[in-house]
Amino acid sequence: MQKQVDFLENNEEFAICASVVEEKNDFTNQSHVFPNILENKIYKIEDYILNNHTGTCSLMIKSEFYGLIPDWMQKVSFGDLAIILTVLYKSKKNLMVLKEVMSVYRVNEGGIHGSLKKNNKTLIKAYKMHVDFTKTISKYLFLNNEYSKEVKLKLIITYTKLTELSKKESLKQYVYFYVMQMWYRLKLKIEKLKA
């Protein structure tokens, strides 16, 4: 933790510092590190709109940027990611991930993420939560359609994954997710043409 404190105190352009995390999965008895980086890496808000690159257990946020939690944050499924996005957005600063493994994250049935990784149906539920999360963040945080390209890209990625997962479950869901994926692809294409 002292390395993270030192980094934040000596680097004004960063609001958050994290580290590589070892994820131990009790379902598969495997472990891996994430993010899988060899050098310290700078992440911007755009990176976090598309994907969460850190384990919550490794996050350190400068208190001056944390502030009060807005009411809308109670509506989101992934509060840790909402906090990261809010801090990066409001501070206009970046996040540094230090290359050393400094914490361990366990995936098991008792945890939120573990319960969503049990099988195909729970994975579908998790990705639907990501859709809701992305729409909520876009509505309440990026008020002026800032980062609309990244938001649409995140929705395309998520609906693509939902399309793949739903092949085994339900034709109705499959068609819906496929149509939504194509809808956001079209919206993104139109946005690029207007730019």
N, C-alpha and C. Protein backbone atom coordinates (compact mmCIF):
# COMPACT_ATOMS: atom_id res chain seq x y z
N MET A 1 0.83 -1.19 0.00
CA MET A 1 0.00 0.00 0.00
C MET A 1 0.87 1.25 0.00
N GLN A 2 2.00 1.17 0.65
CA GLN A 2 2.87 2.34 0.72
C GLN A 2 3.36 2.74 -0.68
N LYS A 3 3.61 1.75 -1.54
CA LYS A 3 4.02 2.05 -2.91
C LYS A 3 2.94 2.86 -3.64
N GLN A 4 1.69 2.50 -3.41
CA GLN A 4 0.59 3.21 -4.04
C GLN A 4 0.46 4.63 -3.49
N VAL A 5 0.57 4.77 -2.19
CA VAL A 5 0.53 6.09 -1.55
C VAL A 5 1.64 6.96 -2.12
N ASP A 6 2.84 6.42 -2.16
CA ASP A 6 3.98 7.19 -2.67
C ASP A 6 3.74 7.60 -4.12
N PHE A 7 3.23 6.67 -4.92
CA PHE A 7 2.98 6.99 -6.32
C PHE A 7 1.99 8.14 -6.45
N LEU A 8 0.86 8.06 -5.73
CA LEU A 8 -0.16 9.11 -5.83
C LEU A 8 0.34 10.45 -5.31
N GLU A 9 1.14 10.44 -4.26
CA GLU A 9 1.67 11.68 -3.73
C GLU A 9 2.66 12.34 -4.68
N ASN A 10 3.35 11.54 -5.49
CA ASN A 10 4.39 12.06 -6.38
C ASN A 10 3.94 12.25 -7.82
N ASN A 11 2.68 11.95 -8.13
CA ASN A 11 2.20 12.03 -9.51
C ASN A 11 0.82 12.68 -9.54
N GLU A 12 0.80 13.98 -9.71
CA GLU A 12 -0.44 14.77 -9.67
C GLU A 12 -1.44 14.41 -10.78
N GLU A 13 -0.96 13.84 -11.88
CA GLU A 13 -1.85 13.56 -13.01
C GLU A 13 -2.69 12.28 -12.82
N PHE A 14 -2.57 11.66 -11.65
CA PHE A 14 -3.32 10.43 -11.37
C PHE A 14 -4.23 10.62 -10.16
N ALA A 15 -5.45 10.08 -10.27
CA ALA A 15 -6.40 10.12 -9.15
C ALA A 15 -6.50 8.77 -8.46
N ILE A 16 -6.12 7.71 -9.18
CA ILE A 16 -6.25 6.35 -8.65
C ILE A 16 -4.99 5.57 -8.96
N CYS A 17 -4.60 4.72 -8.02
CA CYS A 17 -3.49 3.80 -8.24
C CYS A 17 -3.96 2.41 -7.83
N ALA A 18 -3.63 1.43 -8.65
CA ALA A 18 -4.00 0.05 -8.36
C ALA A 18 -2.78 -0.83 -8.63
N SER A 19 -2.94 -2.12 -8.45
CA SER A 19 -1.85 -3.04 -8.74
C SER A 19 -2.41 -4.25 -9.47
N VAL A 20 -1.49 -5.05 -9.97
CA VAL A 20 -1.89 -6.33 -10.55
C VAL A 20 -2.44 -7.18 -9.42
N VAL A 21 -3.47 -7.96 -9.72
CA VAL A 21 -4.14 -8.82 -8.73
C VAL A 21 -4.07 -10.26 -9.19
N GLU A 22 -3.85 -11.15 -8.26
CA GLU A 22 -3.94 -12.58 -8.58
C GLU A 22 -5.38 -13.02 -8.30
N GLU A 23 -6.04 -13.55 -9.32
CA GLU A 23 -7.40 -14.06 -9.16
C GLU A 23 -7.34 -15.56 -8.99
N LYS A 24 -7.82 -16.04 -7.85
CA LYS A 24 -7.88 -17.48 -7.59
C LYS A 24 -9.33 -17.93 -7.75
N ASN A 25 -9.56 -18.83 -8.69
CA ASN A 25 -10.91 -19.28 -9.00
C ASN A 25 -11.17 -20.63 -8.34
N ASP A 26 -12.07 -20.65 -7.34
CA ASP A 26 -12.38 -21.89 -6.63
C ASP A 26 -13.18 -22.86 -7.48
N PHE A 27 -13.85 -22.40 -8.54
CA PHE A 27 -14.61 -23.29 -9.42
C PHE A 27 -13.68 -24.13 -10.29
N THR A 28 -12.63 -23.50 -10.78
CA THR A 28 -11.72 -24.18 -11.73
C THR A 28 -10.40 -24.59 -11.09
N ASN A 29 -10.17 -24.17 -9.85
CA ASN A 29 -8.89 -24.38 -9.18
C ASN A 29 -7.72 -23.83 -9.97
N GLN A 30 -7.97 -22.76 -10.71
CA GLN A 30 -6.92 -22.10 -11.47
C GLN A 30 -6.76 -20.68 -10.95
N SER A 31 -5.61 -20.12 -11.27
CA SER A 31 -5.42 -18.71 -10.94
C SER A 31 -4.70 -18.02 -12.10
N HIS A 32 -4.92 -16.73 -12.18
CA HIS A 32 -4.24 -15.92 -13.17
C HIS A 32 -4.12 -14.50 -12.61
N VAL A 33 -3.30 -13.70 -13.26
CA VAL A 33 -3.15 -12.32 -12.82
C VAL A 33 -3.86 -11.39 -13.80
N PHE A 34 -4.39 -10.30 -13.26
CA PHE A 34 -4.98 -9.29 -14.12
C PHE A 34 -4.78 -7.91 -13.53
N PRO A 35 -4.58 -6.92 -14.36
CA PRO A 35 -4.32 -7.12 -15.78
C PRO A 35 -2.98 -7.80 -15.96
N ASN A 36 -2.82 -8.48 -17.06
CA ASN A 36 -1.58 -9.21 -17.34
C ASN A 36 -0.61 -8.25 -18.01
N ILE A 37 0.11 -7.50 -17.19
CA ILE A 37 1.03 -6.48 -17.70
C ILE A 37 2.43 -6.75 -17.17
N LEU A 38 3.44 -6.34 -17.93
CA LEU A 38 4.83 -6.51 -17.53
C LEU A 38 5.44 -5.20 -17.01
N GLU A 39 4.81 -4.09 -17.36
CA GLU A 39 5.27 -2.77 -16.92
C GLU A 39 4.09 -2.02 -16.32
N ASN A 40 4.38 -1.02 -15.50
CA ASN A 40 3.32 -0.16 -14.99
C ASN A 40 2.53 0.38 -16.17
N LYS A 41 1.22 0.48 -16.01
CA LYS A 41 0.38 0.87 -17.16
C LYS A 41 -0.60 1.97 -16.76
N ILE A 42 -0.69 2.97 -17.65
CA ILE A 42 -1.63 4.08 -17.47
C ILE A 42 -2.94 3.72 -18.17
N TYR A 43 -4.05 3.92 -17.46
CA TYR A 43 -5.37 3.73 -18.04
C TYR A 43 -6.14 5.04 -17.98
N LYS A 44 -6.94 5.27 -19.00
CA LYS A 44 -7.79 6.45 -19.09
C LYS A 44 -9.25 6.03 -18.90
N ILE A 45 -10.12 6.98 -18.76
CA ILE A 45 -11.53 6.69 -18.55
C ILE A 45 -12.10 5.84 -19.69
N GLU A 46 -11.67 6.11 -20.93
CA GLU A 46 -12.16 5.35 -22.08
C GLU A 46 -11.89 3.86 -21.91
N ASP A 47 -10.73 3.52 -21.34
CA ASP A 47 -10.38 2.12 -21.11
C ASP A 47 -11.36 1.45 -20.14
N TYR A 48 -11.77 2.22 -19.12
CA TYR A 48 -12.66 1.65 -18.10
C TYR A 48 -14.12 1.62 -18.53
N ILE A 49 -14.49 2.44 -19.48
CA ILE A 49 -15.84 2.33 -20.02
C ILE A 49 -15.97 0.99 -20.74
N LEU A 50 -14.91 0.60 -21.43
CA LEU A 50 -14.94 -0.64 -22.20
C LEU A 50 -14.75 -1.88 -21.33
N ASN A 51 -13.99 -1.77 -20.25
CA ASN A 51 -13.71 -2.95 -19.44
C ASN A 51 -13.09 -2.52 -18.10
N ASN A 52 -13.35 -3.29 -17.07
CA ASN A 52 -12.72 -3.05 -15.79
C ASN A 52 -11.35 -3.74 -15.81
N HIS A 53 -10.29 -3.00 -15.58
CA HIS A 53 -8.94 -3.53 -15.69
C HIS A 53 -8.28 -3.80 -14.35
N THR A 54 -9.02 -3.70 -13.26
CA THR A 54 -8.39 -3.86 -11.95
C THR A 54 -9.30 -4.61 -11.00
N GLY A 55 -8.68 -5.24 -10.04
CA GLY A 55 -9.42 -5.84 -8.94
C GLY A 55 -9.70 -4.77 -7.90
N THR A 56 -10.90 -4.74 -7.41
CA THR A 56 -11.30 -3.73 -6.43
C THR A 56 -10.37 -3.73 -5.22
N CYS A 57 -9.91 -4.91 -4.84
CA CYS A 57 -9.07 -5.02 -3.64
C CYS A 57 -7.75 -4.28 -3.79
N SER A 58 -7.37 -3.89 -5.00
CA SER A 58 -6.09 -3.20 -5.19
C SER A 58 -6.23 -1.69 -5.36
N LEU A 59 -7.44 -1.18 -5.35
CA LEU A 59 -7.66 0.25 -5.65
C LEU A 59 -7.28 1.16 -4.49
N MET A 60 -6.61 2.25 -4.84
CA MET A 60 -6.36 3.33 -3.89
C MET A 60 -6.73 4.63 -4.60
N ILE A 61 -7.62 5.39 -3.99
CA ILE A 61 -8.14 6.62 -4.59
C ILE A 61 -7.73 7.80 -3.72
N LYS A 62 -7.27 8.86 -4.35
CA LYS A 62 -6.97 10.08 -3.60
C LYS A 62 -8.27 10.59 -2.98
N SER A 63 -8.25 10.85 -1.70
CA SER A 63 -9.48 11.23 -0.99
C SER A 63 -10.09 12.52 -1.54
N GLU A 64 -9.28 13.41 -2.06
CA GLU A 64 -9.81 14.67 -2.59
C GLU A 64 -10.75 14.45 -3.78
N PHE A 65 -10.65 13.29 -4.45
CA PHE A 65 -11.49 13.02 -5.61
C PHE A 65 -12.66 12.10 -5.29
N TYR A 66 -12.65 11.53 -4.12
CA TYR A 66 -13.71 10.57 -3.79
C TYR A 66 -15.03 11.27 -3.53
N GLY A 67 -15.03 12.23 -2.63
CA GLY A 67 -16.23 13.03 -2.37
C GLY A 67 -17.45 12.22 -1.98
N LEU A 68 -18.60 12.81 -2.17
CA LEU A 68 -19.87 12.15 -1.84
C LEU A 68 -20.29 11.23 -2.97
N ILE A 69 -20.88 10.13 -2.60
CA ILE A 69 -21.39 9.17 -3.57
C ILE A 69 -22.74 9.69 -4.06
N PRO A 70 -22.90 9.90 -5.36
CA PRO A 70 -24.19 10.40 -5.86
C PRO A 70 -25.31 9.37 -5.67
N ASP A 71 -26.54 9.84 -5.56
CA ASP A 71 -27.69 8.96 -5.34
C ASP A 71 -27.84 7.90 -6.44
N TRP A 72 -27.55 8.27 -7.69
CA TRP A 72 -27.74 7.33 -8.79
C TRP A 72 -26.84 6.10 -8.66
N MET A 73 -25.75 6.22 -7.91
CA MET A 73 -24.82 5.10 -7.79
C MET A 73 -25.46 3.91 -7.06
N GLN A 74 -26.51 4.17 -6.31
CA GLN A 74 -27.22 3.07 -5.65
C GLN A 74 -27.99 2.22 -6.65
N LYS A 75 -28.16 2.71 -7.88
CA LYS A 75 -28.91 2.00 -8.90
C LYS A 75 -28.05 1.05 -9.74
N VAL A 76 -26.74 1.07 -9.54
CA VAL A 76 -25.87 0.28 -10.41
C VAL A 76 -25.45 -1.03 -9.76
N SER A 77 -25.19 -2.00 -10.61
CA SER A 77 -24.78 -3.32 -10.13
C SER A 77 -23.32 -3.37 -9.73
N PHE A 78 -22.49 -2.59 -10.39
CA PHE A 78 -21.05 -2.67 -10.17
C PHE A 78 -20.55 -1.36 -9.58
N GLY A 79 -20.73 -1.22 -8.27
CA GLY A 79 -20.39 0.02 -7.58
C GLY A 79 -18.92 0.36 -7.66
N ASP A 80 -18.06 -0.66 -7.64
CA ASP A 80 -16.62 -0.38 -7.72
C ASP A 80 -16.26 0.28 -9.05
N LEU A 81 -16.80 -0.25 -10.13
CA LEU A 81 -16.53 0.34 -11.45
C LEU A 81 -17.17 1.72 -11.57
N ALA A 82 -18.33 1.89 -10.97
CA ALA A 82 -18.99 3.21 -10.99
C ALA A 82 -18.13 4.24 -10.26
N ILE A 83 -17.54 3.85 -9.16
CA ILE A 83 -16.67 4.76 -8.41
C ILE A 83 -15.44 5.12 -9.25
N ILE A 84 -14.83 4.13 -9.89
CA ILE A 84 -13.66 4.40 -10.74
C ILE A 84 -14.03 5.39 -11.84
N LEU A 85 -15.12 5.12 -12.54
CA LEU A 85 -15.54 6.00 -13.64
C LEU A 85 -15.86 7.40 -13.15
N THR A 86 -16.53 7.49 -12.01
CA THR A 86 -16.88 8.80 -11.46
C THR A 86 -15.63 9.60 -11.10
N VAL A 87 -14.69 8.94 -10.43
CA VAL A 87 -13.46 9.64 -10.04
C VAL A 87 -12.66 10.05 -11.27
N LEU A 88 -12.51 9.15 -12.23
CA LEU A 88 -11.76 9.52 -13.45
C LEU A 88 -12.45 10.64 -14.21
N TYR A 89 -13.77 10.59 -14.27
CA TYR A 89 -14.53 11.60 -15.00
C TYR A 89 -14.44 12.97 -14.33
N LYS A 90 -14.69 13.00 -13.03
CA LYS A 90 -14.73 14.28 -12.32
C LYS A 90 -13.35 14.89 -12.11
N SER A 91 -12.34 14.05 -11.95
CA SER A 91 -10.99 14.56 -11.72
C SER A 91 -10.26 14.91 -13.01
N LYS A 92 -10.72 14.33 -14.14
CA LYS A 92 -10.04 14.49 -15.43
C LYS A 92 -8.59 14.00 -15.35
N LYS A 93 -8.40 12.96 -14.53
CA LYS A 93 -7.06 12.38 -14.35
C LYS A 93 -7.10 10.92 -14.76
N ASN A 94 -5.97 10.25 -14.63
CA ASN A 94 -5.84 8.86 -15.07
C ASN A 94 -5.67 7.92 -13.89
N LEU A 95 -5.56 6.64 -14.21
CA LEU A 95 -5.36 5.59 -13.23
C LEU A 95 -4.09 4.84 -13.60
N MET A 96 -3.24 4.60 -12.61
CA MET A 96 -2.01 3.83 -12.83
C MET A 96 -2.17 2.46 -12.20
N VAL A 97 -1.80 1.43 -12.96
CA VAL A 97 -1.74 0.08 -12.40
C VAL A 97 -0.26 -0.29 -12.30
N LEU A 98 0.16 -0.56 -11.08
CA LEU A 98 1.54 -0.98 -10.84
C LEU A 98 1.69 -2.45 -11.20
N LYS A 99 2.82 -2.81 -11.77
CA LYS A 99 3.01 -4.15 -12.33
C LYS A 99 3.13 -5.27 -11.30
N GLU A 100 3.39 -4.93 -10.04
CA GLU A 100 3.55 -5.98 -9.02
C GLU A 100 2.20 -6.52 -8.56
N VAL A 101 2.17 -7.82 -8.27
CA VAL A 101 0.98 -8.43 -7.67
C VAL A 101 1.01 -8.07 -6.19
N MET A 102 -0.02 -7.33 -5.75
CA MET A 102 -0.06 -6.86 -4.36
C MET A 102 -1.30 -7.32 -3.61
N SER A 103 -2.18 -8.06 -4.29
CA SER A 103 -3.38 -8.55 -3.61
C SER A 103 -3.93 -9.77 -4.34
N VAL A 104 -4.86 -10.44 -3.66
CA VAL A 104 -5.47 -11.66 -4.20
C VAL A 104 -6.99 -11.47 -4.18
N TYR A 105 -7.63 -11.87 -5.28
CA TYR A 105 -9.09 -11.82 -5.39
C TYR A 105 -9.59 -13.24 -5.58
N ARG A 106 -10.49 -13.68 -4.73
CA ARG A 106 -11.00 -15.05 -4.82
C ARG A 106 -12.37 -15.05 -5.48
N VAL A 107 -12.54 -15.96 -6.44
CA VAL A 107 -13.82 -16.17 -7.10
C VAL A 107 -14.40 -17.46 -6.53
N ASN A 108 -15.53 -17.34 -5.83
CA ASN A 108 -16.18 -18.52 -5.27
C ASN A 108 -17.69 -18.28 -5.23
N GLU A 109 -18.41 -19.31 -4.88
CA GLU A 109 -19.87 -19.22 -4.93
C GLU A 109 -20.43 -18.19 -3.95
N GLY A 110 -19.71 -17.90 -2.89
CA GLY A 110 -20.19 -16.95 -1.89
C GLY A 110 -20.05 -15.50 -2.31
N GLY A 111 -19.24 -15.22 -3.33
CA GLY A 111 -19.02 -13.85 -3.77
C GLY A 111 -19.98 -13.46 -4.89
N ILE A 112 -20.10 -12.18 -5.12
CA ILE A 112 -21.01 -11.68 -6.16
C ILE A 112 -20.56 -12.15 -7.53
N HIS A 113 -19.30 -11.92 -7.88
CA HIS A 113 -18.83 -12.31 -9.20
C HIS A 113 -18.81 -13.83 -9.36
N GLY A 114 -18.45 -14.53 -8.31
CA GLY A 114 -18.42 -15.99 -8.38
C GLY A 114 -19.80 -16.58 -8.64
N SER A 115 -20.81 -16.01 -8.00
CA SER A 115 -22.16 -16.53 -8.20
C SER A 115 -22.66 -16.27 -9.62
N LEU A 116 -22.05 -15.30 -10.30
CA LEU A 116 -22.45 -14.99 -11.67
C LEU A 116 -21.63 -15.75 -12.71
N LYS A 117 -20.65 -16.52 -12.27
CA LYS A 117 -19.79 -17.27 -13.20
C LYS A 117 -20.03 -18.77 -13.11
N LYS A 118 -21.10 -19.18 -12.44
CA LYS A 118 -21.34 -20.61 -12.22
C LYS A 118 -21.66 -21.36 -13.50
N ASN A 119 -22.50 -20.79 -14.34
CA ASN A 119 -22.94 -21.50 -15.54
C ASN A 119 -23.38 -20.48 -16.60
N ASN A 120 -23.84 -20.99 -17.71
CA ASN A 120 -24.22 -20.14 -18.84
C ASN A 120 -25.35 -19.17 -18.49
N LYS A 121 -26.35 -19.64 -17.75
CA LYS A 121 -27.48 -18.78 -17.39
C LYS A 121 -27.05 -17.64 -16.47
N THR A 122 -26.16 -17.92 -15.52
CA THR A 122 -25.72 -16.85 -14.63
C THR A 122 -24.78 -15.88 -15.36
N LEU A 123 -24.04 -16.38 -16.35
CA LEU A 123 -23.22 -15.49 -17.17
C LEU A 123 -24.10 -14.54 -17.98
N ILE A 124 -25.20 -15.06 -18.52
CA ILE A 124 -26.14 -14.20 -19.24
C ILE A 124 -26.67 -13.12 -18.30
N LYS A 125 -27.02 -13.52 -17.10
CA LYS A 125 -27.50 -12.55 -16.11
C LYS A 125 -26.44 -11.47 -15.85
N ALA A 126 -25.18 -11.88 -15.73
CA ALA A 126 -24.09 -10.93 -15.47
C ALA A 126 -23.93 -9.95 -16.62
N TYR A 127 -23.98 -10.44 -17.86
CA TYR A 127 -23.82 -9.54 -19.00
C TYR A 127 -25.02 -8.61 -19.16
N LYS A 128 -26.22 -9.08 -18.79
CA LYS A 128 -27.38 -8.19 -18.80
C LYS A 128 -27.19 -7.07 -17.77
N MET A 129 -26.59 -7.42 -16.65
CA MET A 129 -26.29 -6.41 -15.63
C MET A 129 -25.30 -5.38 -16.18
N HIS A 130 -24.35 -5.84 -17.01
CA HIS A 130 -23.40 -4.91 -17.64
C HIS A 130 -24.11 -3.96 -18.60
N VAL A 131 -25.11 -4.45 -19.32
CA VAL A 131 -25.90 -3.58 -20.20
C VAL A 131 -26.58 -2.50 -19.37
N ASP A 132 -27.26 -2.91 -18.31
CA ASP A 132 -27.95 -1.94 -17.44
C ASP A 132 -26.96 -0.94 -16.83
N PHE A 133 -25.82 -1.45 -16.38
CA PHE A 133 -24.79 -0.60 -15.79
C PHE A 133 -24.33 0.46 -16.80
N THR A 134 -24.03 0.02 -18.02
CA THR A 134 -23.52 0.93 -19.05
C THR A 134 -24.55 2.00 -19.37
N LYS A 135 -25.80 1.63 -19.46
CA LYS A 135 -26.86 2.60 -19.76
C LYS A 135 -27.04 3.59 -18.60
N THR A 136 -26.94 3.11 -17.36
CA THR A 136 -27.09 3.99 -16.19
C THR A 136 -25.93 4.97 -16.12
N ILE A 137 -24.71 4.48 -16.31
CA ILE A 137 -23.54 5.37 -16.29
C ILE A 137 -23.67 6.44 -17.36
N SER A 138 -24.09 6.02 -18.54
CA SER A 138 -24.24 6.96 -19.64
C SER A 138 -25.28 8.03 -19.31
N LYS A 139 -26.35 7.62 -18.68
CA LYS A 139 -27.44 8.55 -18.36
C LYS A 139 -27.06 9.54 -17.25
N TYR A 140 -26.44 9.04 -16.19
CA TYR A 140 -26.22 9.88 -15.02
C TYR A 140 -24.83 10.51 -14.93
N LEU A 141 -23.84 9.90 -15.54
CA LEU A 141 -22.48 10.44 -15.41
C LEU A 141 -22.07 11.23 -16.65
N PHE A 142 -22.29 10.66 -17.81
CA PHE A 142 -21.88 11.33 -19.05
C PHE A 142 -23.08 12.10 -19.61
N LEU A 143 -23.42 13.17 -18.94
CA LEU A 143 -24.67 13.87 -19.20
C LEU A 143 -24.76 14.48 -20.59
N ASN A 144 -23.67 14.89 -21.15
CA ASN A 144 -23.69 15.55 -22.46
C ASN A 144 -23.26 14.61 -23.58
N ASN A 145 -23.61 13.35 -23.43
CA ASN A 145 -23.24 12.33 -24.40
C ASN A 145 -21.74 12.22 -24.60
N GLU A 146 -20.99 12.67 -23.60
CA GLU A 146 -19.55 12.47 -23.66
C GLU A 146 -19.29 10.97 -23.66
N TYR A 147 -18.28 10.57 -24.36
CA TYR A 147 -17.88 9.17 -24.44
C TYR A 147 -18.96 8.29 -25.06
N SER A 148 -19.82 8.87 -25.89
CA SER A 148 -20.90 8.08 -26.50
C SER A 148 -20.34 6.98 -27.41
N LYS A 149 -19.23 7.25 -28.06
CA LYS A 149 -18.60 6.22 -28.90
C LYS A 149 -18.20 5.01 -28.05
N GLU A 150 -17.54 5.28 -26.92
CA GLU A 150 -17.09 4.20 -26.04
C GLU A 150 -18.28 3.45 -25.43
N VAL A 151 -19.34 4.19 -25.06
CA VAL A 151 -20.53 3.57 -24.49
C VAL A 151 -21.17 2.64 -25.52
N LYS A 152 -21.30 3.09 -26.76
CA LYS A 152 -21.89 2.25 -27.80
C LYS A 152 -21.01 1.03 -28.07
N LEU A 153 -19.71 1.23 -28.09
CA LEU A 153 -18.80 0.11 -28.31
C LEU A 153 -18.92 -0.92 -27.18
N LYS A 154 -19.03 -0.44 -25.94
CA LYS A 154 -19.21 -1.35 -24.80
C LYS A 154 -20.52 -2.14 -24.96
N LEU A 155 -21.58 -1.47 -25.38
CA LEU A 155 -22.86 -2.17 -25.58
C LEU A 155 -22.76 -3.18 -26.72
N ILE A 156 -22.04 -2.86 -27.77
CA ILE A 156 -21.84 -3.81 -28.87
C ILE A 156 -21.10 -5.04 -28.36
N ILE A 157 -20.03 -4.82 -27.63
CA ILE A 157 -19.23 -5.93 -27.08
C ILE A 157 -20.10 -6.80 -26.17
N THR A 158 -20.87 -6.16 -25.31
CA THR A 158 -21.70 -6.90 -24.35
C THR A 158 -22.82 -7.66 -25.04
N TYR A 159 -23.51 -7.02 -25.99
CA TYR A 159 -24.57 -7.72 -26.72
C TYR A 159 -24.00 -8.84 -27.60
N THR A 160 -22.79 -8.68 -28.11
CA THR A 160 -22.15 -9.76 -28.87
C THR A 160 -21.93 -10.97 -27.97
N LYS A 161 -21.44 -10.73 -26.76
CA LYS A 161 -21.23 -11.82 -25.81
C LYS A 161 -22.57 -12.46 -25.42
N LEU A 162 -23.58 -11.65 -25.21
CA LEU A 162 -24.91 -12.17 -24.89
C LEU A 162 -25.47 -13.01 -26.04
N THR A 163 -25.22 -12.58 -27.27
CA THR A 163 -25.66 -13.34 -28.44
C THR A 163 -25.01 -14.72 -28.43
N GLU A 164 -23.70 -14.76 -28.19
CA GLU A 164 -22.98 -16.04 -28.15
C GLU A 164 -23.51 -16.95 -27.04
N LEU A 165 -23.68 -16.39 -25.85
CA LEU A 165 -24.12 -17.19 -24.70
C LEU A 165 -25.55 -17.69 -24.86
N SER A 166 -26.42 -16.90 -25.49
CA SER A 166 -27.84 -17.26 -25.58
C SER A 166 -28.12 -18.32 -26.66
N LYS A 167 -27.16 -18.63 -27.51
CA LYS A 167 -27.35 -19.67 -28.53
C LYS A 167 -27.79 -20.98 -27.89
N LYS A 168 -27.24 -21.27 -26.72
CA LYS A 168 -27.52 -22.53 -26.02
C LYS A 168 -28.80 -22.47 -25.19
N GLU A 169 -29.35 -21.28 -25.00
CA GLU A 169 -30.44 -21.13 -24.04
C GLU A 169 -31.81 -20.86 -24.66
N SER A 170 -31.88 -19.84 -25.53
CA SER A 170 -33.20 -19.41 -25.99
C SER A 170 -33.09 -18.70 -27.33
N LEU A 171 -33.87 -19.16 -28.30
CA LEU A 171 -33.88 -18.52 -29.62
C LEU A 171 -34.39 -17.09 -29.51
N LYS A 172 -35.39 -16.88 -28.68
CA LYS A 172 -35.96 -15.54 -28.51
C LYS A 172 -34.91 -14.57 -27.97
N GLN A 173 -34.19 -15.00 -26.93
CA GLN A 173 -33.12 -14.16 -26.38
C GLN A 173 -32.03 -13.93 -27.42
N TYR A 174 -31.66 -14.97 -28.12
CA TYR A 174 -30.61 -14.89 -29.14
C TYR A 174 -30.97 -13.81 -30.17
N VAL A 175 -32.18 -13.85 -30.68
CA VAL A 175 -32.62 -12.89 -31.69
C VAL A 175 -32.61 -11.48 -31.10
N TYR A 176 -33.13 -11.32 -29.89
CA TYR A 176 -33.15 -10.00 -29.26
C TYR A 176 -31.74 -9.43 -29.10
N PHE A 177 -30.82 -10.23 -28.56
CA PHE A 177 -29.46 -9.76 -28.35
C PHE A 177 -28.76 -9.46 -29.67
N TYR A 178 -29.03 -10.26 -30.67
CA TYR A 178 -28.44 -10.03 -31.99
C TYR A 178 -28.94 -8.71 -32.58
N VAL A 179 -30.25 -8.47 -32.48
CA VAL A 179 -30.84 -7.23 -33.00
C VAL A 179 -30.25 -6.02 -32.25
N MET A 180 -30.12 -6.12 -30.94
CA MET A 180 -29.56 -5.02 -30.15
C MET A 180 -28.10 -4.75 -30.54
N GLN A 181 -27.36 -5.82 -30.75
CA GLN A 181 -25.97 -5.68 -31.18
C GLN A 181 -25.90 -4.91 -32.51
N MET A 182 -26.75 -5.30 -33.45
CA MET A 182 -26.77 -4.64 -34.76
C MET A 182 -27.25 -3.18 -34.64
N TRP A 183 -28.21 -2.94 -33.74
CA TRP A 183 -28.72 -1.59 -33.53
C TRP A 183 -27.60 -0.65 -33.08
N TYR A 184 -26.81 -1.09 -32.09
CA TYR A 184 -25.73 -0.24 -31.60
C TYR A 184 -24.59 -0.13 -32.62
N ARG A 185 -24.39 -1.15 -33.42
CA ARG A 185 -23.40 -1.05 -34.51
C ARG A 185 -23.84 0.04 -35.50
N LEU A 186 -25.12 0.06 -35.83
CA LEU A 186 -25.65 1.07 -36.74
C LEU A 186 -25.53 2.47 -36.14
N LYS A 187 -25.89 2.60 -34.87
CA LYS A 187 -25.79 3.90 -34.20
C LYS A 187 -24.35 4.40 -34.18
N LEU A 188 -23.41 3.50 -33.94
CA LEU A 188 -22.00 3.88 -33.91
C LEU A 188 -21.53 4.30 -35.30
N LYS A 189 -21.98 3.58 -36.32
CA LYS A 189 -21.61 3.92 -37.69
C LYS A 189 -22.16 5.30 -38.08
N ILE A 190 -23.40 5.57 -37.69
CA ILE A 190 -24.00 6.87 -37.98
C ILE A 190 -23.23 7.98 -37.27
N GLU A 191 -22.86 7.72 -36.02
CA GLU A 191 -22.10 8.71 -35.23
C GLU A 191 -20.76 9.01 -35.91
N LYS A 192 -20.10 7.97 -36.42
CA LYS A 192 -18.82 8.17 -37.10
C LYS A 192 -18.99 8.96 -38.38
N LEU A 193 -20.08 8.72 -39.11
CA LEU A 193 -20.34 9.45 -40.35
C LEU A 193 -20.60 10.93 -40.09
N LYS A 194 -21.24 11.23 -38.96
CA LYS A 194 -21.55 12.62 -38.62
C LYS A 194 -20.30 13.38 -38.16
N ALA A 195 -19.31 12.66 -37.69
CA ALA A 195 -18.09 13.31 -37.15
C ALA A 195 -17.20 13.88 -38.23
